């Protein structure tokens, strides 16, 4: 897995809006875009999760004030990368994870070359799997964020999630 990072002037965020009354901000100086490209194989799930965690911790998104955000994002990364590995690897031998930090938001996306746009399955409790996107949607909604699937110009897809970064309370 290779990592590429840069510091853009205005990172391209989707059209997420801050929930009414939300108090969000990134730690001082935190802004940037990072991309992780990796093969669509099982071990990539844990590698991507650890890479995103290490990146966010290095950017100051650490400690109790950010624990819920971190836990939610790592679950989302695991689910989205797992979906690409399980369902898109045949047509997309590589996937890309992107992390964008800007304007009090963190955006995580997973891109692959498979044209199929996934849909969250129903809450069928007799199934052993297939509820990853339901989980992603639930974590996103609970955090006051947004998520969507977009087509790429090459016929693949990008699944993205944006979550607000909580403002640490004074003394936290």
Protein backbone atom coordinates (compact mmCIF):
# COMPACT_ATOMS: atom_id res chain seq x y z
CA UNK A 1 0.00 0.00 0.00
CA UNK A 2 1.46 3.34 -0.92
CA UNK A 3 0.49 6.69 0.49
CA UNK A 4 0.51 10.05 -1.23
CA UNK A 5 -0.35 13.25 0.59
CA UNK A 6 -0.46 16.89 -0.29
CA UNK A 7 -1.80 20.09 1.14
CA UNK A 8 -4.31 21.70 -1.24
CA UNK A 9 -5.53 25.27 -0.89
CA UNK A 10 -9.18 24.24 -1.03
CA UNK A 11 -9.79 20.48 -0.81
CA UNK A 12 -12.72 19.29 -2.93
CA UNK A 13 -15.39 18.39 -0.39
CA UNK A 14 -18.83 17.21 -1.37
CA UNK A 15 -21.80 19.37 -0.60
CA UNK A 16 -22.19 18.37 3.03
CA UNK A 17 -23.77 20.88 5.35
CA UNK A 18 -23.12 21.39 9.02
CA UNK A 19 -26.12 20.32 11.12
CA UNK A 20 -27.95 23.17 12.84
CA UNK A 21 -26.35 23.95 16.18
CA UNK A 22 -23.31 21.76 15.53
CA UNK A 23 -20.03 22.88 17.02
CA UNK A 24 -17.37 21.48 14.70
CA UNK A 25 -13.79 22.35 13.87
CA UNK A 26 -10.60 20.56 12.95
CA UNK A 27 -7.62 20.85 15.25
CA UNK A 28 -5.54 23.92 14.36
CA UNK A 29 -3.67 23.54 11.08
CA UNK A 30 -5.37 20.30 10.05
CA UNK A 31 -6.19 20.33 6.37
CA UNK A 32 -5.16 18.11 3.51
CA UNK A 33 -5.82 15.26 1.14
CA UNK A 34 -4.24 11.81 1.38
CA UNK A 35 -4.69 8.82 -0.97
CA UNK A 36 -3.93 5.17 -0.27
CA UNK A 37 -3.86 2.82 -3.29
CA UNK A 38 -3.86 -0.92 -2.61
CA UNK A 39 -4.69 -4.25 -4.19
CA UNK A 40 -8.27 -5.47 -3.72
CA UNK A 41 -7.33 -8.35 -1.40
CA UNK A 42 -8.43 -9.28 2.12
CA UNK A 43 -5.38 -7.95 3.97
CA UNK A 44 -6.02 -4.50 2.49
CA UNK A 45 -9.00 -4.07 4.84
CA UNK A 46 -6.83 -4.00 7.97
CA UNK A 47 -4.02 -2.11 6.21
CA UNK A 48 -6.43 0.64 5.11
CA UNK A 49 -8.02 0.86 8.56
CA UNK A 50 -4.60 1.18 10.25
CA UNK A 51 -3.35 3.69 7.67
CA UNK A 52 -6.42 5.91 8.16
CA UNK A 53 -6.15 5.63 11.95
CA UNK A 54 -2.44 6.49 11.92
CA UNK A 55 -3.04 9.42 9.56
CA UNK A 56 -5.83 10.90 11.69
CA UNK A 57 -3.82 10.46 14.90
CA UNK A 58 -0.81 12.14 13.26
CA UNK A 59 -3.07 15.07 12.30
CA UNK A 60 -4.12 15.58 15.93
CA UNK A 61 -7.47 13.82 15.77
CA UNK A 62 -6.72 11.86 18.92
CA UNK A 63 -7.87 11.56 22.48
CA UNK A 64 -11.27 11.32 24.14
CA UNK A 65 -12.78 14.30 22.28
CA UNK A 66 -12.37 12.48 18.97
CA UNK A 67 -12.84 8.84 20.02
CA UNK A 68 -16.40 8.48 18.66
CA UNK A 69 -15.37 10.06 15.37
CA UNK A 70 -12.33 7.80 15.09
CA UNK A 71 -14.30 4.66 15.94
CA UNK A 72 -17.02 5.53 13.43
CA UNK A 73 -14.56 6.34 10.64
CA UNK A 74 -12.58 3.14 11.17
CA UNK A 75 -15.76 1.08 11.04
CA UNK A 76 -16.78 2.88 7.84
CA UNK A 77 -13.37 2.32 6.24
CA UNK A 78 -13.51 -1.38 7.14
CA UNK A 79 -16.98 -1.80 5.65
CA UNK A 80 -16.32 0.14 2.44
CA UNK A 81 -12.96 -1.51 1.72
CA UNK A 82 -14.42 -4.95 2.53
CA UNK A 83 -17.21 -4.30 0.02
CA UNK A 84 -14.69 -3.38 -2.69
CA UNK A 85 -12.57 -6.44 -1.95
CA UNK A 86 -15.54 -8.84 -1.87
CA UNK A 87 -17.69 -7.47 -4.66
CA UNK A 88 -15.47 -5.47 -7.03
CA UNK A 89 -12.07 -7.20 -7.07
CA UNK A 90 -12.76 -9.22 -10.20
CA UNK A 91 -13.20 -6.06 -12.29
CA UNK A 92 -11.13 -3.79 -10.05
CA UNK A 93 -7.86 -5.34 -8.86
CA UNK A 94 -6.91 -2.07 -7.13
CA UNK A 95 -8.87 0.29 -4.89
CA UNK A 96 -8.13 3.76 -3.61
CA UNK A 97 -8.94 5.15 -0.17
CA UNK A 98 -8.93 8.93 0.11
CA UNK A 99 -9.05 11.02 3.28
CA UNK A 100 -9.81 14.76 3.11
CA UNK A 101 -9.64 17.03 6.15
CA UNK A 102 -10.96 20.58 5.78
CA UNK A 103 -13.46 23.08 7.08
CA UNK A 104 -14.35 21.07 10.19
CA UNK A 105 -15.15 17.90 8.22
CA UNK A 106 -13.42 14.65 7.44
CA UNK A 107 -14.31 12.87 4.23
CA UNK A 108 -13.35 9.24 3.61
CA UNK A 109 -13.95 7.65 0.23
CA UNK A 110 -13.24 4.32 -1.43
CA UNK A 111 -12.93 4.14 -5.20
CA UNK A 112 -12.89 1.06 -7.40
CA UNK A 113 -13.36 0.34 -11.11
CA UNK A 114 -16.47 -1.81 -10.79
CA UNK A 115 -19.57 -0.13 -12.31
CA UNK A 116 -22.10 -1.64 -9.88
CA UNK A 117 -23.57 0.91 -7.45
CA UNK A 118 -24.27 -0.91 -4.19
CA UNK A 119 -27.48 -0.50 -2.23
CA UNK A 120 -28.00 -1.10 1.46
CA UNK A 121 -29.88 -4.35 2.02
CA UNK A 122 -32.89 -4.59 4.27
CA UNK A 123 -32.56 -5.45 7.93
CA UNK A 124 -33.00 -9.20 7.44
CA UNK A 125 -31.83 -10.61 10.76
CA UNK A 126 -31.73 -14.16 9.36
CA UNK A 127 -28.78 -13.23 7.11
CA UNK A 128 -25.27 -13.53 8.45
CA UNK A 129 -23.91 -10.66 6.37
CA UNK A 130 -24.88 -7.99 3.91
CA UNK A 131 -25.58 -5.18 6.33
CA UNK A 132 -22.34 -3.21 5.95
CA UNK A 133 -23.90 -0.29 4.10
CA UNK A 134 -26.76 -0.15 6.62
CA UNK A 135 -24.11 0.16 9.30
CA UNK A 136 -22.28 2.87 7.34
CA UNK A 137 -25.51 4.82 6.88
CA UNK A 138 -26.40 4.47 10.59
CA UNK A 139 -22.99 5.68 11.81
CA UNK A 140 -23.08 8.54 9.31
CA UNK A 141 -26.57 9.65 10.34
CA UNK A 142 -25.78 9.39 14.05
CA UNK A 143 -22.72 11.59 13.53
CA UNK A 144 -24.61 14.23 11.56
CA UNK A 145 -22.76 13.47 8.36
CA UNK A 146 -23.65 12.51 4.82
CA UNK A 147 -22.76 9.72 2.39
CA UNK A 148 -23.32 8.86 -1.25
CA UNK A 149 -22.10 6.89 -4.26
CA UNK A 150 -20.83 8.65 -7.39
CA UNK A 151 -19.73 7.34 -10.76
CA UNK A 152 -16.20 8.02 -11.93
CA UNK A 153 -15.35 9.24 -15.43
CA UNK A 154 -13.84 5.80 -16.10
CA UNK A 155 -17.06 3.93 -15.28
CA UNK A 156 -16.23 2.89 -11.71
CA UNK A 157 -17.58 4.32 -8.48
CA UNK A 158 -16.59 6.29 -5.41
CA UNK A 159 -18.42 5.70 -2.16
CA UNK A 160 -17.83 8.59 0.24
CA UNK A 161 -18.76 9.59 3.75
CA UNK A 162 -18.34 13.02 5.36
CA UNK A 163 -18.48 13.46 9.12
CA UNK A 164 -18.17 16.65 11.16
CA UNK A 165 -15.11 16.89 13.38
CA UNK A 166 -16.25 17.68 16.93
CA UNK A 167 -14.83 20.67 18.71
CA UNK A 168 -13.05 19.56 21.87
CA UNK A 169 -14.51 21.03 25.04
CA UNK A 170 -12.26 23.38 26.96
CA UNK A 171 -10.07 21.43 29.33
CA UNK A 172 -10.58 18.18 27.41
